[in-house]
Protein backbone atom coordinates (compact mmCIF):
# COMPACT_ATOMS: atom_id res chain seq x y z
CA UNK A 1 -55.25 4.89 -94.40
CA UNK A 2 -54.76 7.83 -92.12
CA UNK A 3 -56.51 6.02 -89.33
CA UNK A 4 -54.19 3.04 -89.88
CA UNK A 5 -51.08 5.22 -89.57
CA UNK A 6 -52.26 6.80 -86.35
CA UNK A 7 -53.07 3.39 -84.91
CA UNK A 8 -49.69 2.00 -85.95
CA UNK A 9 -47.89 4.98 -84.42
CA UNK A 10 -49.86 4.64 -81.22
CA UNK A 11 -49.06 0.89 -80.96
CA UNK A 12 -45.37 1.59 -81.66
CA UNK A 13 -45.22 4.17 -78.86
CA UNK A 14 -46.93 1.75 -76.45
CA UNK A 15 -44.49 -0.98 -77.45
CA UNK A 16 -41.55 1.35 -76.89
CA UNK A 17 -42.82 2.22 -73.38
CA UNK A 18 -43.38 -1.46 -72.65
CA UNK A 19 -39.80 -2.29 -73.63
CA UNK A 20 -38.40 0.51 -71.53
CA UNK A 21 -40.43 -0.63 -68.51
CA UNK A 22 -38.42 -3.88 -68.36
CA UNK A 23 -35.08 -2.03 -68.08
CA UNK A 24 -33.66 -2.01 -64.50
CA UNK A 25 -33.83 1.61 -63.41
CA UNK A 26 -32.30 1.03 -59.91
CA UNK A 27 -28.96 2.69 -59.32
CA UNK A 28 -26.04 0.36 -58.57
CA UNK A 29 -25.22 -0.15 -54.89
CA UNK A 30 -22.69 2.24 -53.38
CA UNK A 31 -19.55 0.36 -52.44
CA UNK A 32 -17.53 1.53 -49.41
CA UNK A 33 -14.47 3.55 -50.15
CA UNK A 34 -11.39 1.46 -49.41
CA UNK A 35 -9.29 2.80 -46.51
CA UNK A 36 -6.04 1.73 -44.93
CA UNK A 37 -6.45 -0.28 -41.73
CA UNK A 38 -3.67 -0.65 -39.19
CA UNK A 39 -3.50 -3.16 -36.35
CA UNK A 40 -4.13 -1.50 -33.00
CA UNK A 41 -1.85 -2.76 -30.25
CA UNK A 42 -2.14 -2.07 -26.51
CA UNK A 43 0.31 0.51 -25.18
CA UNK A 44 3.63 -0.80 -23.96
CA UNK A 45 3.81 -0.89 -20.14
CA UNK A 46 7.05 -0.86 -18.23
CA UNK A 47 7.30 -4.27 -16.48
CA UNK A 48 8.34 -2.44 -13.31
CA UNK A 49 5.35 -0.06 -13.42
CA UNK A 50 3.41 -1.67 -10.60
CA UNK A 51 6.55 -2.06 -8.52
CA UNK A 52 7.29 1.65 -8.75
CA UNK A 53 3.68 2.79 -8.51
CA UNK A 54 3.17 0.94 -5.24
CA UNK A 55 6.68 1.25 -3.85
CA UNK A 56 6.87 0.79 -0.10
CA UNK A 57 9.95 2.06 1.74
CA UNK A 58 12.46 -0.73 2.29
CA UNK A 59 12.47 -0.30 6.04
CA UNK A 60 8.86 -1.52 6.28
CA UNK A 61 9.84 -4.80 4.62
CA UNK A 62 12.48 -6.06 7.05
CA UNK A 63 11.63 -9.59 8.23
CA UNK A 64 12.12 -10.54 11.87
CA UNK A 65 14.90 -12.98 12.72
CA UNK A 66 14.08 -16.52 13.82
CA UNK A 67 13.67 -17.10 17.54
CA UNK A 68 15.61 -20.09 18.87
CA UNK A 69 14.36 -21.75 22.04
CA UNK A 70 11.65 -20.39 24.33
CA UNK A 71 10.93 -16.74 23.43
CA UNK A 72 10.02 -13.87 25.67
CA UNK A 73 6.72 -12.19 24.85
CA UNK A 74 6.60 -8.39 24.83
CA UNK A 75 3.11 -6.91 24.75
CA UNK A 76 3.42 -3.52 23.01
CA UNK A 77 0.87 -0.70 23.20
CA UNK A 78 1.27 2.42 21.05
CA UNK A 79 -0.19 5.81 21.92
CA UNK A 80 0.26 8.20 19.00
CA UNK A 81 -1.33 11.13 20.79
CA UNK A 82 -4.20 13.33 19.70
CA UNK A 83 -4.81 13.41 15.95
CA UNK A 84 -2.67 10.34 15.37
CA UNK A 85 -5.40 7.86 14.47
CA UNK A 86 -5.69 6.14 11.11
CA UNK A 87 -2.06 5.36 10.27
CA UNK A 88 -0.21 2.06 10.12
CA UNK A 89 3.02 1.64 12.06
CA UNK A 90 5.98 -0.69 12.37
CA UNK A 91 7.00 -1.80 15.85
CA UNK A 92 10.66 -2.57 16.49
CA UNK A 93 12.33 -4.43 19.37
CA UNK A 94 16.12 -4.07 19.07
CA UNK A 95 18.71 -5.82 21.24
CA UNK A 96 21.06 -3.17 22.58
CA UNK A 97 24.29 -5.22 22.42
CA UNK A 98 23.88 -7.28 19.24
CA UNK A 99 21.44 -5.09 17.31
CA UNK A 100 19.19 -8.07 16.49
CA UNK A 101 15.84 -6.44 15.63
CA UNK A 102 12.37 -7.98 15.71
CA UNK A 103 9.65 -6.25 13.70
CA UNK A 104 5.85 -6.32 13.76
CA UNK A 105 3.49 -4.44 11.43
CA UNK A 106 0.49 -2.69 12.99
CA UNK A 107 -2.21 -2.10 10.38
CA UNK A 108 -4.10 1.17 10.03
CA UNK A 109 -7.39 -0.63 10.68
CA UNK A 110 -6.39 -0.99 14.30
CA UNK A 111 -6.34 2.78 14.85
CA UNK A 112 -10.08 3.40 15.02
CA UNK A 113 -11.01 3.69 18.68
CA UNK A 114 -12.39 6.95 19.98
CA UNK A 115 -10.09 6.97 23.00
CA UNK A 116 -6.32 6.75 23.06
CA UNK A 117 -4.34 4.61 22.86
CA UNK A 118 -6.04 3.80 19.57
CA UNK A 119 -4.44 0.40 18.99
CA UNK A 120 -4.96 -2.75 21.00
CA UNK A 121 -1.63 -4.01 22.35
CA UNK A 122 0.21 -6.55 20.18
CA UNK A 123 2.37 -9.47 21.27
CA UNK A 124 5.92 -9.77 19.93
CA UNK A 125 8.02 -12.89 20.41
CA UNK A 126 11.72 -12.10 20.84
CA UNK A 127 14.90 -14.04 21.48
CA UNK A 128 15.58 -14.46 25.18
CA UNK A 129 17.51 -13.71 27.25
CA UNK A 130 18.27 -10.24 25.94
CA UNK A 131 18.10 -6.50 26.58
CA UNK A 132 15.87 -4.61 24.20
CA UNK A 133 14.78 -1.08 23.35
CA UNK A 134 11.30 -0.78 21.84
CA UNK A 135 10.11 1.86 19.40
CA UNK A 136 7.67 2.51 16.56
CA UNK A 137 7.64 4.39 13.25
CA UNK A 138 4.59 5.26 11.19
CA UNK A 139 4.93 3.37 7.93
CA UNK A 140 3.88 6.30 5.70
CA UNK A 141 6.15 8.88 7.39
CA UNK A 142 8.77 6.97 9.40
CA UNK A 143 11.25 9.81 9.72
CA UNK A 144 8.67 12.40 10.83
CA UNK A 145 6.50 10.31 13.15
CA UNK A 146 8.26 7.93 15.49
CA UNK A 147 7.74 6.93 19.09
CA UNK A 148 9.99 5.38 21.71
CA UNK A 149 9.43 3.39 24.89
CA UNK A 150 10.63 5.74 27.64
CA UNK A 151 9.51 6.69 31.14
CA UNK A 152 7.06 9.15 29.58
CA UNK A 153 3.54 7.77 29.06
CA UNK A 154 1.61 10.97 28.22
CA UNK A 155 2.51 12.10 24.68
CA UNK A 156 1.92 15.80 25.31
CA UNK A 157 4.30 15.76 28.30
CA UNK A 158 7.18 13.87 26.66
CA UNK A 159 10.48 15.67 26.20
CA UNK A 160 12.59 12.95 24.57
CA UNK A 161 13.81 10.85 27.48
CA UNK A 162 16.35 8.06 26.89
CA UNK A 163 14.88 4.76 25.69
CA UNK A 164 14.21 2.14 28.33
CA UNK A 165 16.26 -1.03 27.84
CA UNK A 166 14.15 -3.99 28.96
CA UNK A 167 15.80 -7.20 30.20
CA UNK A 168 13.79 -10.25 29.12
CA UNK A 169 14.00 -13.93 30.08
CA UNK A 170 12.77 -17.03 28.21
CA UNK A 171 9.10 -17.83 28.72
CA UNK A 172 8.36 -14.54 30.50
CA UNK A 173 5.82 -11.91 29.46
CA UNK A 174 6.36 -8.14 29.56
CA UNK A 175 4.18 -5.10 28.89
CA UNK A 176 5.46 -1.83 27.40
CA UNK A 177 3.77 1.42 26.47
CA UNK A 178 5.21 3.52 23.64
CA UNK A 179 4.26 7.20 23.77
CA UNK A 180 7.36 9.42 23.54
CA UNK A 181 7.36 11.04 20.10
CA UNK A 182 10.48 13.05 20.90
CA UNK A 183 12.64 10.08 21.83
CA UNK A 184 15.85 9.61 19.86
CA UNK A 185 15.64 6.28 17.98
CA UNK A 186 18.16 4.14 16.09
CA UNK A 187 18.31 5.14 12.42
CA UNK A 188 16.70 2.90 9.83
CA UNK A 189 20.10 1.76 8.60
CA UNK A 190 21.31 1.03 12.14
CA UNK A 191 19.04 -1.93 12.77
CA UNK A 192 21.14 -5.05 13.16
CA UNK A 193 23.83 -2.98 14.88
CA UNK A 194 24.35 -2.29 18.60
CA UNK A 195 22.19 0.57 19.88
CA UNK A 196 24.12 3.84 20.20
CA UNK A 197 21.27 6.25 21.00
CA UNK A 198 20.71 7.07 24.71
CA UNK A 199 19.14 4.22 26.71
CA UNK A 200 18.81 3.34 30.37
CA UNK A 201 17.84 0.34 32.45
CA UNK A 202 15.21 0.88 35.10
CA UNK A 203 15.65 -0.68 38.52
CA UNK A 204 13.20 -3.59 38.99
């Protein structure tokens, strides 16, 4: 009888362990903690940002007037002097009586030669006949660095002579050399007006 009780107890314990073995002992999966999500939008950009970030002075944007009839061609060379390489410039040819002004942009890539003048001469077509003064302003510092076509051809020797007024005829070609950094030039807001700064005509 005693042996039967021990056996029954032993079988009951084994059965209890067997039942407990079928119970899922894995812990439930950990769910993520809910958090508030907000829509991320790109920052607001002023529509004029790129216009103001890359603003170019207005006087470098003046278009040249239309030439009617056969133009005169003025071949313009610019000598900025020692240390003047690597800057872009605007060339101006202004009629002394009417103020009509023709403009040509000279890119900085043209100022790379090892000997001055650093830019190859450029051709400008202008209305003819006419009497013109010719000058240049660096596009990044037009009020500080400007050059006029005067009798002076060596920048270090120039003293600010009057501008030379060049008479041109239709179909003719002329060559000028701008080197006088001290020459007095028409103001930026005086283009389109008769020239009032000192100018002279050279005898042919």
